[in-house]
Amino acid sequence: MTKKMRFAAACGAALLVFALFFSVFFVVAEADHDCIGEHCTICHQIHICQKLLEQLSAAHTALAGGAVLGFSMLLLVLRTWNVFAASSPVLWKVKLLN
């Protein structure tokens, strides 16, 4: 993975977290607003924030969490098998007495 791809992934994750936190803060802050009726723009924005939170909630989080857990377990297993360790005479404790 190149540095540009990692940077883009980090920016995307940061924007997702930013949207989640500020959606929650907006809903909490505007919960007791003075509603003007059927065409209230604040109610419309609260509804959009709630839909965003519903779409990014439990089901998607569980899938992403499962993927991260599976990947970390794979790395743990590969590390215990010494797949990432480079083979060398020092690692094998070979005496070079020639």
Protein backbone atom coordinates (compact mmCIF):
# COMPACT_ATOMS: atom_id res chain seq x y z
CA MET A 1 0.00 0.00 0.00
CA THR A 2 1.49 3.29 -1.04
CA LYS A 3 1.73 6.34 1.15
CA LYS A 4 -0.95 8.09 -0.90
CA MET A 5 -3.38 5.22 -0.38
CA ARG A 6 -2.70 5.14 3.37
CA PHE A 7 -3.15 8.90 3.60
CA ALA A 8 -6.43 8.70 1.67
CA ALA A 9 -7.68 5.88 3.90
CA ALA A 10 -6.74 7.82 7.04
CA CYS A 11 -8.51 10.94 5.73
CA GLY A 12 -11.62 8.92 4.90
CA ALA A 13 -11.68 7.36 8.35
CA ALA A 14 -11.19 10.76 9.99
CA LEU A 15 -14.07 12.24 7.97
CA LEU A 16 -16.30 9.32 8.92
CA VAL A 17 -15.55 9.75 12.63
CA PHE A 18 -16.01 13.53 12.29
CA ALA A 19 -19.44 13.02 10.67
CA LEU A 20 -20.52 10.56 13.35
CA PHE A 21 -19.49 12.69 16.31
CA PHE A 22 -20.92 15.94 14.99
CA SER A 23 -24.17 14.26 13.95
CA VAL A 24 -24.61 13.08 17.53
CA PHE A 25 -23.72 16.51 18.91
CA PHE A 26 -26.14 18.25 16.52
CA VAL A 27 -29.03 15.95 17.42
CA VAL A 28 -28.40 16.45 21.14
CA ALA A 29 -27.99 20.23 20.85
CA GLU A 30 -31.09 20.78 18.72
CA ALA A 31 -33.41 18.29 20.41
CA ASP A 32 -35.36 21.07 22.19
CA HIS A 33 -35.54 23.63 19.38
CA ASP A 34 -38.58 25.78 18.62
CA CYS A 35 -40.22 23.83 15.83
CA ILE A 36 -42.17 25.92 13.29
CA GLY A 37 -44.23 23.04 11.95
CA GLU A 38 -44.18 20.79 8.93
CA HIS A 39 -41.40 22.55 6.98
CA CYS A 40 -38.94 22.98 9.84
CA THR A 41 -35.38 22.90 8.49
CA ILE A 42 -33.88 21.91 11.84
CA CYS A 43 -36.21 18.89 12.06
CA HIS A 44 -35.15 17.98 8.53
CA GLN A 45 -31.45 18.18 9.48
CA ILE A 46 -32.04 16.13 12.63
CA HIS A 47 -33.76 13.49 10.51
CA ILE A 48 -30.77 13.39 8.12
CA CYS A 49 -28.34 13.03 11.04
CA GLN A 50 -30.40 10.22 12.53
CA LYS A 51 -30.47 8.39 9.18
CA LEU A 52 -26.68 8.73 8.91
CA LEU A 53 -26.24 7.31 12.39
CA GLU A 54 -28.60 4.43 11.62
CA GLN A 55 -26.79 3.56 8.41
CA LEU A 56 -23.37 3.58 10.04
CA SER A 57 -24.43 1.87 13.25
CA ALA A 58 -24.46 -1.70 14.52
CA ALA A 59 -24.59 -3.81 11.36
CA HIS A 60 -21.80 -2.01 9.56
CA THR A 61 -19.74 -1.68 12.71
CA ALA A 62 -20.07 -5.38 13.45
CA LEU A 63 -18.89 -6.30 9.95
CA ALA A 64 -15.94 -3.93 10.13
CA GLY A 65 -15.07 -5.10 13.64
CA GLY A 66 -15.19 -8.72 12.52
CA ALA A 67 -12.89 -7.96 9.60
CA VAL A 68 -10.40 -6.17 11.84
CA LEU A 69 -10.53 -8.97 14.41
CA GLY A 70 -9.98 -11.61 11.73
CA PHE A 71 -7.06 -9.70 10.21
CA SER A 72 -5.41 -9.19 13.60
CA MET A 73 -5.81 -12.89 14.43
CA LEU A 74 -4.23 -13.78 11.08
CA LEU A 75 -1.27 -11.52 11.84
CA LEU A 76 -0.95 -13.03 15.30
CA VAL A 77 -0.92 -16.57 13.91
CA LEU A 78 1.62 -15.67 11.23
CA ARG A 79 3.82 -14.02 13.82
CA THR A 80 3.80 -17.10 16.05
CA TRP A 81 4.86 -19.19 13.04
CA ASN A 82 7.79 -16.77 12.54
CA VAL A 83 6.70 -16.01 9.00
CA PHE A 84 7.80 -12.40 9.35
CA ALA A 85 11.20 -13.20 10.92
CA ALA A 86 14.09 -13.34 8.48
CA SER A 87 16.06 -16.57 8.57
CA SER A 88 19.72 -16.09 9.48
CA PRO A 89 22.53 -18.11 11.05
CA VAL A 90 22.26 -16.00 14.19
CA LEU A 91 18.56 -16.77 14.47
CA TRP A 92 19.22 -20.50 14.01
CA LYS A 93 22.16 -20.29 16.47
CA VAL A 94 24.57 -21.84 14.02
CA LYS A 95 28.23 -21.67 14.98
CA LEU A 96 30.37 -20.59 12.09
CA LEU A 97 33.68 -22.21 13.07
CA ASN A 98 35.23 -22.54 9.61
